[in-house]
Amino acid sequence: MDEICEKIKHLRFERGMTLKDLSEKTDLSVSFLSQIERGASSLAITSLKKIADAFGVTMVYFFEEPQNENYAIRLEDQKPFNLKGSESTYVSLSSKFPDRKIEPLIVTLRPKQKDFEFVRHPGEEFYYVIKGAVILKVEDREYFLREGEAIHFPSTKSHMWENPLNQEVTLLSVTTPSIF
């Protein structure tokens, strides 16, 4: 809700409108609009529709994520995260923008980490070994990849990975579709 309030206020300032101007275009009171912009009042869909019409935008505008026009992924913005049920650590290398197709990640596998069941899903997967070595099983084939080697396959094929080493393995991963 806070994002919607901020967007309303931003649009009003951007268009050089006063609360009175917006009130006249929407038939909503100045005090109600002020409460909306401060986040002190909830907003019904019918009121949001009136506000959207007054600004000449669709209601979807208020729910859209802001576009990130800074496409560089700086080192200080690369925060490691884990997924529930996975021992791997991930770092996203993607900026967020509409309709992106790929998911670039740095993946770190713990020493001797091993998947215990095959997975399959729509899309493609690409892995490049940055540090260490990894065993990737795709269907009935096993690929042992060392530093500097890569693999690319359709994710619809059953697959799993294993770190055969007593040290961490670091992979560059690029998958489709984007998931984060």
N, C-alpha and C. Protein backbone atom coordinates (compact mmCIF):
# COMPACT_ATOMS: atom_id res chain seq x y z
N MET A 1 0.83 -1.19 0.00
CA MET A 1 0.00 0.00 0.00
C MET A 1 0.87 1.26 0.00
N ASP A 2 2.00 1.21 0.73
CA ASP A 2 2.89 2.38 0.79
C ASP A 2 3.38 2.77 -0.60
N GLU A 3 3.68 1.75 -1.44
CA GLU A 3 4.16 2.04 -2.79
C GLU A 3 3.09 2.75 -3.62
N ILE A 4 1.84 2.35 -3.44
CA ILE A 4 0.74 2.98 -4.18
C ILE A 4 0.61 4.44 -3.75
N CYS A 5 0.67 4.69 -2.44
CA CYS A 5 0.58 6.06 -1.92
C CYS A 5 1.70 6.93 -2.48
N GLU A 6 2.91 6.37 -2.49
CA GLU A 6 4.06 7.11 -3.02
C GLU A 6 3.89 7.42 -4.51
N LYS A 7 3.37 6.44 -5.25
CA LYS A 7 3.18 6.66 -6.69
C LYS A 7 2.13 7.74 -6.96
N ILE A 8 1.07 7.76 -6.15
CA ILE A 8 0.04 8.79 -6.32
C ILE A 8 0.65 10.17 -6.07
N LYS A 9 1.38 10.28 -4.97
CA LYS A 9 2.01 11.56 -4.62
C LYS A 9 3.01 11.99 -5.70
N HIS A 10 3.80 11.02 -6.16
CA HIS A 10 4.80 11.31 -7.20
C HIS A 10 4.13 11.81 -8.48
N LEU A 11 3.07 11.12 -8.91
CA LEU A 11 2.36 11.54 -10.13
C LEU A 11 1.78 12.94 -9.97
N ARG A 12 1.23 13.21 -8.80
CA ARG A 12 0.63 14.53 -8.57
C ARG A 12 1.69 15.63 -8.67
N PHE A 13 2.84 15.41 -8.01
CA PHE A 13 3.92 16.40 -8.08
C PHE A 13 4.47 16.52 -9.50
N GLU A 14 4.64 15.36 -10.16
CA GLU A 14 5.17 15.34 -11.52
C GLU A 14 4.31 16.16 -12.48
N ARG A 15 3.01 16.13 -12.25
CA ARG A 15 2.08 16.84 -13.13
C ARG A 15 1.76 18.25 -12.62
N GLY A 16 2.40 18.66 -11.54
CA GLY A 16 2.21 20.01 -11.01
C GLY A 16 0.81 20.24 -10.48
N MET A 17 0.18 19.21 -9.94
CA MET A 17 -1.19 19.32 -9.44
C MET A 17 -1.20 19.51 -7.93
N THR A 18 -2.17 20.26 -7.45
CA THR A 18 -2.40 20.37 -6.01
C THR A 18 -3.39 19.28 -5.61
N LEU A 19 -3.55 19.09 -4.32
CA LEU A 19 -4.58 18.15 -3.86
C LEU A 19 -5.96 18.61 -4.31
N LYS A 20 -6.16 19.93 -4.34
CA LYS A 20 -7.45 20.49 -4.79
C LYS A 20 -7.69 20.14 -6.26
N ASP A 21 -6.64 20.26 -7.10
CA ASP A 21 -6.76 19.90 -8.52
C ASP A 21 -7.17 18.43 -8.67
N LEU A 22 -6.49 17.57 -7.92
CA LEU A 22 -6.79 16.13 -7.99
C LEU A 22 -8.20 15.85 -7.47
N SER A 23 -8.58 16.57 -6.43
CA SER A 23 -9.93 16.41 -5.85
C SER A 23 -11.00 16.74 -6.89
N GLU A 24 -10.79 17.82 -7.62
CA GLU A 24 -11.76 18.22 -8.64
C GLU A 24 -11.86 17.20 -9.77
N LYS A 25 -10.75 16.55 -10.12
CA LYS A 25 -10.76 15.56 -11.21
C LYS A 25 -11.33 14.21 -10.78
N THR A 26 -11.31 13.93 -9.46
CA THR A 26 -11.72 12.60 -8.99
C THR A 26 -13.02 12.59 -8.19
N ASP A 27 -13.48 13.77 -7.79
CA ASP A 27 -14.63 13.88 -6.88
C ASP A 27 -14.35 13.22 -5.52
N LEU A 28 -13.07 13.16 -5.15
CA LEU A 28 -12.68 12.69 -3.82
C LEU A 28 -12.24 13.91 -3.02
N SER A 29 -12.50 13.94 -1.73
CA SER A 29 -12.19 15.13 -0.93
C SER A 29 -10.69 15.33 -0.79
N VAL A 30 -10.31 16.59 -0.59
CA VAL A 30 -8.90 16.95 -0.40
C VAL A 30 -8.35 16.23 0.83
N SER A 31 -9.13 16.20 1.92
CA SER A 31 -8.65 15.56 3.15
C SER A 31 -8.45 14.05 2.93
N PHE A 32 -9.36 13.41 2.18
CA PHE A 32 -9.20 11.98 1.90
C PHE A 32 -7.96 11.73 1.05
N LEU A 33 -7.74 12.54 0.03
CA LEU A 33 -6.56 12.38 -0.82
C LEU A 33 -5.27 12.60 -0.02
N SER A 34 -5.29 13.56 0.88
CA SER A 34 -4.14 13.81 1.74
C SER A 34 -3.85 12.59 2.62
N GLN A 35 -4.90 12.00 3.19
CA GLN A 35 -4.74 10.79 4.01
C GLN A 35 -4.19 9.63 3.18
N ILE A 36 -4.64 9.52 1.95
CA ILE A 36 -4.14 8.46 1.05
C ILE A 36 -2.65 8.65 0.83
N GLU A 37 -2.25 9.85 0.47
CA GLU A 37 -0.83 10.10 0.18
C GLU A 37 0.06 9.87 1.39
N ARG A 38 -0.48 10.08 2.60
CA ARG A 38 0.29 9.86 3.82
C ARG A 38 0.20 8.42 4.30
N GLY A 39 -0.61 7.62 3.63
CA GLY A 39 -0.77 6.22 4.04
C GLY A 39 -1.63 6.07 5.28
N ALA A 40 -2.43 7.10 5.59
CA ALA A 40 -3.25 7.10 6.80
C ALA A 40 -4.65 6.56 6.55
N SER A 41 -4.97 6.25 5.31
CA SER A 41 -6.29 5.73 4.98
C SER A 41 -6.16 4.66 3.92
N SER A 42 -7.02 3.67 3.99
CA SER A 42 -7.00 2.63 2.96
C SER A 42 -7.71 3.16 1.71
N LEU A 43 -7.45 2.49 0.62
CA LEU A 43 -7.92 2.97 -0.68
C LEU A 43 -8.74 1.88 -1.36
N ALA A 44 -9.98 2.19 -1.66
CA ALA A 44 -10.85 1.25 -2.38
C ALA A 44 -10.47 1.25 -3.86
N ILE A 45 -10.76 0.16 -4.52
CA ILE A 45 -10.47 0.02 -5.95
C ILE A 45 -11.18 1.11 -6.75
N THR A 46 -12.41 1.44 -6.37
CA THR A 46 -13.15 2.48 -7.11
C THR A 46 -12.46 3.83 -7.00
N SER A 47 -11.90 4.14 -5.82
CA SER A 47 -11.18 5.40 -5.64
C SER A 47 -9.87 5.38 -6.44
N LEU A 48 -9.19 4.23 -6.42
CA LEU A 48 -7.95 4.11 -7.18
C LEU A 48 -8.22 4.28 -8.68
N LYS A 49 -9.34 3.76 -9.14
CA LYS A 49 -9.71 3.90 -10.56
C LYS A 49 -9.91 5.38 -10.91
N LYS A 50 -10.56 6.12 -10.03
CA LYS A 50 -10.76 7.56 -10.27
C LYS A 50 -9.43 8.29 -10.33
N ILE A 51 -8.52 7.93 -9.43
CA ILE A 51 -7.19 8.57 -9.40
C ILE A 51 -6.41 8.22 -10.65
N ALA A 52 -6.45 6.95 -11.05
CA ALA A 52 -5.74 6.52 -12.27
C ALA A 52 -6.27 7.28 -13.48
N ASP A 53 -7.58 7.39 -13.59
CA ASP A 53 -8.19 8.12 -14.71
C ASP A 53 -7.77 9.59 -14.71
N ALA A 54 -7.70 10.19 -13.54
CA ALA A 54 -7.30 11.60 -13.43
C ALA A 54 -5.87 11.81 -13.92
N PHE A 55 -5.00 10.81 -13.70
CA PHE A 55 -3.61 10.92 -14.13
C PHE A 55 -3.39 10.37 -15.54
N GLY A 56 -4.41 9.71 -16.09
CA GLY A 56 -4.27 9.14 -17.43
C GLY A 56 -3.39 7.90 -17.46
N VAL A 57 -3.43 7.10 -16.39
CA VAL A 57 -2.68 5.84 -16.32
C VAL A 57 -3.66 4.71 -16.04
N THR A 58 -3.22 3.49 -16.28
CA THR A 58 -4.06 2.34 -15.93
C THR A 58 -3.86 2.01 -14.46
N MET A 59 -4.78 1.29 -13.87
CA MET A 59 -4.64 0.90 -12.46
C MET A 59 -3.43 -0.01 -12.25
N VAL A 60 -3.07 -0.75 -13.28
CA VAL A 60 -1.91 -1.65 -13.19
C VAL A 60 -0.64 -0.87 -12.87
N TYR A 61 -0.57 0.38 -13.31
CA TYR A 61 0.59 1.23 -13.05
C TYR A 61 0.96 1.24 -11.56
N PHE A 62 -0.05 1.26 -10.71
CA PHE A 62 0.19 1.37 -9.27
C PHE A 62 0.72 0.07 -8.65
N PHE A 63 0.63 -1.03 -9.38
CA PHE A 63 1.07 -2.32 -8.86
C PHE A 63 2.35 -2.84 -9.51
N GLU A 64 2.81 -2.14 -10.55
CA GLU A 64 4.01 -2.56 -11.26
C GLU A 64 5.25 -2.27 -10.44
N GLU A 65 6.23 -3.16 -10.55
CA GLU A 65 7.54 -2.95 -9.93
C GLU A 65 8.25 -1.84 -10.68
N PRO A 66 8.97 -0.97 -9.97
CA PRO A 66 9.72 0.05 -10.69
C PRO A 66 10.82 -0.60 -11.53
N GLN A 67 11.04 -0.06 -12.71
CA GLN A 67 12.07 -0.61 -13.58
C GLN A 67 13.44 -0.18 -13.12
N ASN A 68 14.36 -1.13 -13.14
CA ASN A 68 15.74 -0.84 -12.77
C ASN A 68 16.49 -0.52 -14.06
N GLU A 69 16.82 0.73 -14.24
CA GLU A 69 17.52 1.12 -15.45
C GLU A 69 19.03 1.13 -15.27
N ASN A 70 19.48 0.70 -14.08
CA ASN A 70 20.90 0.53 -13.84
C ASN A 70 21.18 -0.96 -14.01
N TYR A 71 21.69 -1.33 -15.15
CA TYR A 71 21.84 -2.74 -15.47
C TYR A 71 23.09 -3.37 -14.88
N ALA A 72 24.01 -2.57 -14.37
CA ALA A 72 25.25 -3.09 -13.79
C ALA A 72 24.95 -3.72 -12.43
N ILE A 73 25.58 -4.85 -12.17
CA ILE A 73 25.44 -5.53 -10.88
C ILE A 73 26.77 -5.34 -10.15
N ARG A 74 26.81 -4.36 -9.27
CA ARG A 74 28.04 -4.03 -8.54
C ARG A 74 28.32 -5.06 -7.47
N LEU A 75 29.57 -5.22 -7.14
CA LEU A 75 30.01 -6.20 -6.14
C LEU A 75 29.25 -6.01 -4.83
N GLU A 76 29.07 -4.76 -4.39
CA GLU A 76 28.39 -4.51 -3.11
C GLU A 76 26.91 -4.89 -3.14
N ASP A 77 26.33 -5.07 -4.33
CA ASP A 77 24.93 -5.46 -4.46
C ASP A 77 24.74 -6.97 -4.59
N GLN A 78 25.82 -7.71 -4.64
CA GLN A 78 25.76 -9.17 -4.81
C GLN A 78 25.69 -9.83 -3.43
N LYS A 79 24.47 -10.11 -2.99
CA LYS A 79 24.24 -10.68 -1.66
C LYS A 79 23.95 -12.18 -1.78
N PRO A 80 24.72 -13.02 -1.06
CA PRO A 80 24.46 -14.46 -1.10
C PRO A 80 23.12 -14.81 -0.45
N PHE A 81 22.46 -15.84 -0.95
CA PHE A 81 21.22 -16.32 -0.36
C PHE A 81 21.14 -17.83 -0.53
N ASN A 82 20.28 -18.45 0.28
CA ASN A 82 20.07 -19.89 0.22
C ASN A 82 18.60 -20.14 -0.06
N LEU A 83 18.32 -21.27 -0.67
CA LEU A 83 16.94 -21.69 -0.90
C LEU A 83 16.61 -22.79 0.09
N LYS A 84 15.40 -22.77 0.60
CA LYS A 84 14.97 -23.78 1.55
C LYS A 84 15.13 -25.17 0.94
N GLY A 85 15.75 -26.06 1.66
CA GLY A 85 15.94 -27.42 1.19
C GLY A 85 17.17 -27.63 0.34
N SER A 86 17.99 -26.57 0.15
CA SER A 86 19.20 -26.69 -0.67
C SER A 86 20.42 -26.32 0.16
N GLU A 87 21.50 -27.03 -0.04
CA GLU A 87 22.76 -26.72 0.64
C GLU A 87 23.57 -25.68 -0.12
N SER A 88 23.20 -25.40 -1.34
CA SER A 88 23.95 -24.47 -2.18
C SER A 88 23.72 -23.03 -1.75
N THR A 89 24.71 -22.19 -2.05
CA THR A 89 24.60 -20.75 -1.85
C THR A 89 24.57 -20.09 -3.22
N TYR A 90 23.68 -19.10 -3.37
CA TYR A 90 23.49 -18.43 -4.65
C TYR A 90 23.75 -16.93 -4.53
N VAL A 91 24.22 -16.34 -5.61
CA VAL A 91 24.36 -14.89 -5.72
C VAL A 91 23.77 -14.51 -7.08
N SER A 92 22.76 -13.65 -7.06
CA SER A 92 22.13 -13.23 -8.31
C SER A 92 23.03 -12.22 -9.04
N LEU A 93 23.15 -12.40 -10.34
CA LEU A 93 23.92 -11.48 -11.19
C LEU A 93 23.01 -10.78 -12.18
N SER A 94 21.72 -10.68 -11.84
CA SER A 94 20.74 -10.14 -12.77
C SER A 94 20.14 -8.84 -12.26
N SER A 95 19.97 -7.89 -13.17
CA SER A 95 19.15 -6.73 -12.83
C SER A 95 17.71 -7.12 -13.13
N LYS A 96 16.80 -6.42 -12.53
CA LYS A 96 15.38 -6.75 -12.69
C LYS A 96 14.76 -5.81 -13.70
N PHE A 97 14.26 -6.37 -14.78
CA PHE A 97 13.55 -5.58 -15.78
C PHE A 97 12.50 -6.46 -16.42
N PRO A 98 11.44 -5.87 -16.97
CA PRO A 98 10.34 -6.67 -17.52
C PRO A 98 10.80 -7.61 -18.63
N ASP A 99 10.21 -8.77 -18.66
CA ASP A 99 10.39 -9.75 -19.73
C ASP A 99 11.80 -10.30 -19.88
N ARG A 100 12.61 -10.24 -18.83
CA ARG A 100 13.94 -10.84 -18.96
C ARG A 100 13.79 -12.34 -19.04
N LYS A 101 14.68 -12.99 -19.76
CA LYS A 101 14.55 -14.42 -20.06
C LYS A 101 15.52 -15.31 -19.29
N ILE A 102 16.67 -14.77 -18.89
CA ILE A 102 17.70 -15.60 -18.28
C ILE A 102 17.89 -15.28 -16.79
N GLU A 103 18.46 -16.23 -16.07
CA GLU A 103 18.75 -16.08 -14.65
C GLU A 103 20.22 -16.38 -14.42
N PRO A 104 21.09 -15.36 -14.45
CA PRO A 104 22.51 -15.59 -14.19
C PRO A 104 22.79 -15.59 -12.69
N LEU A 105 23.54 -16.59 -12.24
CA LEU A 105 23.84 -16.75 -10.81
C LEU A 105 25.27 -17.25 -10.62
N ILE A 106 25.83 -16.96 -9.47
CA ILE A 106 27.03 -17.66 -9.01
C ILE A 106 26.51 -18.69 -8.01
N VAL A 107 26.87 -19.94 -8.18
CA VAL A 107 26.43 -21.01 -7.29
C VAL A 107 27.65 -21.59 -6.60
N THR A 108 27.56 -21.73 -5.28
CA THR A 108 28.64 -22.35 -4.52
C THR A 108 28.12 -23.65 -3.92
N LEU A 109 28.82 -24.75 -4.21
CA LEU A 109 28.48 -26.05 -3.66
C LEU A 109 29.43 -26.35 -2.51
N ARG A 110 28.90 -26.83 -1.40
CA ARG A 110 29.72 -27.19 -0.24
C ARG A 110 30.57 -28.42 -0.56
N PRO A 111 31.65 -28.63 0.18
CA PRO A 111 32.46 -29.84 -0.03
C PRO A 111 31.60 -31.11 0.08
N LYS A 112 31.77 -31.99 -0.88
CA LYS A 112 31.07 -33.29 -0.94
C LYS A 112 29.54 -33.17 -1.05
N GLN A 113 29.04 -32.00 -1.40
CA GLN A 113 27.59 -31.80 -1.56
C GLN A 113 27.11 -32.62 -2.74
N LYS A 114 25.94 -33.27 -2.58
CA LYS A 114 25.41 -34.12 -3.64
C LYS A 114 23.89 -34.08 -3.64
N ASP A 115 23.30 -33.94 -4.83
CA ASP A 115 21.86 -34.09 -4.96
C ASP A 115 21.54 -35.58 -4.85
N PHE A 116 20.36 -35.89 -4.29
CA PHE A 116 20.00 -37.29 -4.13
C PHE A 116 18.85 -37.71 -5.04
N GLU A 117 18.32 -36.79 -5.78
CA GLU A 117 17.31 -37.16 -6.77
C GLU A 117 17.39 -36.24 -7.98
N PHE A 118 17.03 -36.80 -9.11
CA PHE A 118 17.03 -36.04 -10.36
C PHE A 118 15.86 -35.06 -10.36
N VAL A 119 16.06 -33.93 -11.06
CA VAL A 119 14.99 -32.96 -11.27
C VAL A 119 14.87 -32.68 -12.76
N ARG A 120 13.73 -32.18 -13.15
CA ARG A 120 13.50 -31.74 -14.53
C ARG A 120 12.44 -30.66 -14.50
N HIS A 121 12.56 -29.71 -15.41
CA HIS A 121 11.63 -28.58 -15.47
C HIS A 121 11.82 -27.88 -16.81
N PRO A 122 10.92 -26.99 -17.18
CA PRO A 122 11.07 -26.28 -18.46
C PRO A 122 12.31 -25.38 -18.44
N GLY A 123 12.88 -25.15 -19.61
CA GLY A 123 13.98 -24.21 -19.75
C GLY A 123 15.30 -24.83 -20.18
N GLU A 124 16.37 -24.06 -19.97
CA GLU A 124 17.73 -24.48 -20.29
C GLU A 124 18.64 -24.15 -19.12
N GLU A 125 19.77 -24.87 -19.03
CA GLU A 125 20.75 -24.59 -17.99
C GLU A 125 22.15 -24.58 -18.60
N PHE A 126 22.94 -23.62 -18.14
CA PHE A 126 24.33 -23.50 -18.55
C PHE A 126 25.16 -23.34 -17.28
N TYR A 127 26.24 -24.10 -17.16
CA TYR A 127 27.16 -23.99 -16.02
C TYR A 127 28.58 -23.89 -16.52
N TYR A 128 29.34 -22.99 -15.90
CA TYR A 128 30.77 -22.82 -16.18
C TYR A 128 31.48 -22.95 -14.84
N VAL A 129 32.46 -23.84 -14.76
CA VAL A 129 33.17 -24.07 -13.51
C VAL A 129 34.23 -22.99 -13.32
N ILE A 130 34.02 -22.16 -12.30
CA ILE A 130 34.97 -21.09 -11.98
C ILE A 130 36.08 -21.62 -11.08
N LYS A 131 35.69 -22.43 -10.08
CA LYS A 131 36.66 -22.97 -9.13
C LYS A 131 36.25 -24.39 -8.74
N GLY A 132 37.22 -25.31 -8.75
CA GLY A 132 36.94 -26.68 -8.34
C GLY A 132 36.56 -27.58 -9.51
N ALA A 133 35.70 -28.53 -9.20
CA ALA A 133 35.21 -29.48 -10.21
C ALA A 133 33.82 -29.94 -9.79
N VAL A 134 33.03 -30.36 -10.75
CA VAL A 134 31.67 -30.79 -10.47
C VAL A 134 31.32 -31.98 -11.36
N ILE A 135 30.48 -32.84 -10.85
CA ILE A 135 29.91 -33.92 -11.65
C ILE A 135 28.46 -33.55 -11.91
N LEU A 136 28.11 -33.44 -13.19
CA LEU A 136 26.73 -33.19 -13.58
C LEU A 136 26.21 -34.42 -14.29
N LYS A 137 25.10 -34.93 -13.78
CA LYS A 137 24.46 -36.08 -14.42
C LYS A 137 23.25 -35.56 -15.17
N VAL A 138 23.21 -35.86 -16.47
CA VAL A 138 22.09 -35.47 -17.33
C VAL A 138 21.59 -36.74 -17.99
N GLU A 139 20.34 -37.11 -17.60
CA GLU A 139 19.76 -38.39 -18.02
C GLU A 139 20.70 -39.52 -17.59
N ASP A 140 21.18 -40.34 -18.53
CA ASP A 140 22.04 -41.47 -18.17
C ASP A 140 23.53 -41.18 -18.40
N ARG A 141 23.89 -39.90 -18.63
CA ARG A 141 25.29 -39.54 -18.86
C ARG A 141 25.84 -38.76 -17.68
N GLU A 142 27.11 -38.97 -17.40
CA GLU A 142 27.77 -38.27 -16.31
C GLU A 142 28.91 -37.43 -16.89
N TYR A 143 28.95 -36.15 -16.51
CA TYR A 143 29.97 -35.23 -17.01
C TYR A 143 30.82 -34.74 -15.83
N PHE A 144 32.12 -34.98 -15.89
CA PHE A 144 33.04 -34.47 -14.89
C PHE A 144 33.68 -33.22 -15.46
N LEU A 145 33.39 -32.08 -14.86
CA LEU A 145 33.85 -30.79 -15.38
C LEU A 145 34.83 -30.13 -14.41
N ARG A 146 35.94 -29.66 -14.94
CA ARG A 146 36.97 -28.97 -14.16
C ARG A 146 36.90 -27.47 -14.42
N GLU A 147 37.72 -26.73 -13.69
CA GLU A 147 37.81 -25.28 -13.87
C GLU A 147 37.97 -24.94 -15.35
N GLY A 148 37.18 -23.97 -15.82
CA GLY A 148 37.27 -23.53 -17.20
C GLY A 148 36.40 -24.32 -18.16
N GLU A 149 35.74 -25.37 -17.68
CA GLU A 149 34.87 -26.18 -18.55
C GLU A 149 33.41 -25.84 -18.30
N ALA A 150 32.57 -26.15 -19.28
CA ALA A 150 31.16 -25.75 -19.21
C ALA A 150 30.25 -26.85 -19.73
N ILE A 151 28.98 -26.70 -19.43
CA ILE A 151 27.94 -27.60 -19.93
C ILE A 151 26.67 -26.78 -20.17
N HIS A 152 25.91 -27.16 -21.20
CA HIS A 152 24.66 -26.48 -21.55
C HIS A 152 23.68 -27.56 -21.99
N PHE A 153 22.49 -27.60 -21.36
CA PHE A 153 21.54 -28.65 -21.69
C PHE A 153 20.11 -28.18 -21.44
N PRO A 154 19.12 -28.87 -22.06
CA PRO A 154 17.72 -28.55 -21.80
C PRO A 154 17.34 -29.04 -20.40
N SER A 155 16.69 -28.19 -19.61
CA SER A 155 16.31 -28.56 -18.24
C SER A 155 15.21 -29.61 -18.20
N THR A 156 14.61 -29.89 -19.35
CA THR A 156 13.59 -30.93 -19.40
C THR A 156 14.20 -32.32 -19.27
N LYS A 157 15.53 -32.41 -19.41
CA LYS A 157 16.24 -33.67 -19.19
C LYS A 157 16.47 -33.83 -17.69
N SER A 158 16.31 -35.03 -17.17
CA SER A 158 16.56 -35.28 -15.75
C SER A 158 18.02 -34.96 -15.45
N HIS A 159 18.25 -34.23 -14.35
CA HIS A 159 19.63 -33.82 -14.05
C HIS A 159 19.83 -33.66 -12.54
N MET A 160 21.10 -33.75 -12.14
CA MET A 160 21.51 -33.52 -10.76
C MET A 160 23.00 -33.22 -10.73
N TRP A 161 23.49 -32.68 -9.60
CA TRP A 161 24.91 -32.38 -9.51
C TRP A 161 25.53 -32.92 -8.24
N GLU A 162 26.87 -32.96 -8.28
CA GLU A 162 27.63 -33.45 -7.12
C GLU A 162 28.98 -32.75 -7.09
N ASN A 163 29.39 -32.34 -5.91
CA ASN A 163 30.73 -31.82 -5.70
C ASN A 163 31.57 -32.98 -5.15
N PRO A 164 32.47 -33.53 -5.94
CA PRO A 164 33.25 -34.68 -5.49
C PRO A 164 34.46 -34.29 -4.62
N LEU A 165 34.68 -32.99 -4.44
CA LEU A 165 35.87 -32.50 -3.77
C LEU A 165 35.65 -32.20 -2.29
N ASN A 166 36.76 -32.08 -1.57
CA ASN A 166 36.73 -31.68 -0.16
C ASN A 166 36.86 -30.16 -0.03
N GLN A 167 36.51 -29.44 -1.06
CA GLN A 167 36.55 -27.98 -1.05
C GLN A 167 35.30 -27.46 -1.75
N GLU A 168 35.00 -26.18 -1.54
CA GLU A 168 33.86 -25.58 -2.22
C GLU A 168 34.09 -25.53 -3.72
N VAL A 169 32.99 -25.62 -4.46
CA VAL A 169 33.02 -25.48 -5.91
C VAL A 169 32.20 -24.24 -6.26
N THR A 170 32.72 -23.42 -7.17
CA THR A 170 32.02 -22.22 -7.60
C THR A 170 31.69 -22.33 -9.09
N LEU A 171 30.40 -22.11 -9.40
CA LEU A 171 29.91 -22.22 -10.77
C LEU A 171 29.25 -20.92 -11.20
N LEU A 172 29.42 -20.58 -12.47
CA LEU A 172 28.59 -19.56 -13.08
C LEU A 172 27.42 -20.32 -13.69
N SER A 173 26.20 -19.93 -13.32
CA SER A 173 25.01 -20.59 -13.80
C SER A 173 24.16 -19.58 -14.56
N VAL A 174 23.67 -19.99 -15.73
CA VAL A 174 22.72 -19.17 -16.49
C VAL A 174 21.59 -20.11 -16.87
N THR A 175 20.38 -19.82 -16.36
CA THR A 175 19.25 -20.69 -16.63
C THR A 175 18.08 -19.89 -17.22
N THR A 176 17.19 -20.61 -17.84
CA THR A 176 15.91 -20.06 -18.27
C THR A 176 14.84 -20.98 -17.71
N PRO A 177 13.69 -20.50 -17.43
CA PRO A 177 13.32 -19.09 -17.43
C PRO A 177 13.88 -18.39 -16.19
N SER A 178 13.77 -17.05 -16.13
CA SER A 178 14.20 -16.34 -14.93
C SER A 178 13.25 -16.69 -13.80
N ILE A 179 13.80 -16.89 -12.60
CA ILE A 179 12.96 -17.33 -11.48
C ILE A 179 13.03 -16.43 -10.26
N PHE A 180 14.02 -15.58 -10.17
CA PHE A 180 14.15 -14.72 -8.98
C PHE A 180 13.87 -13.27 -9.34
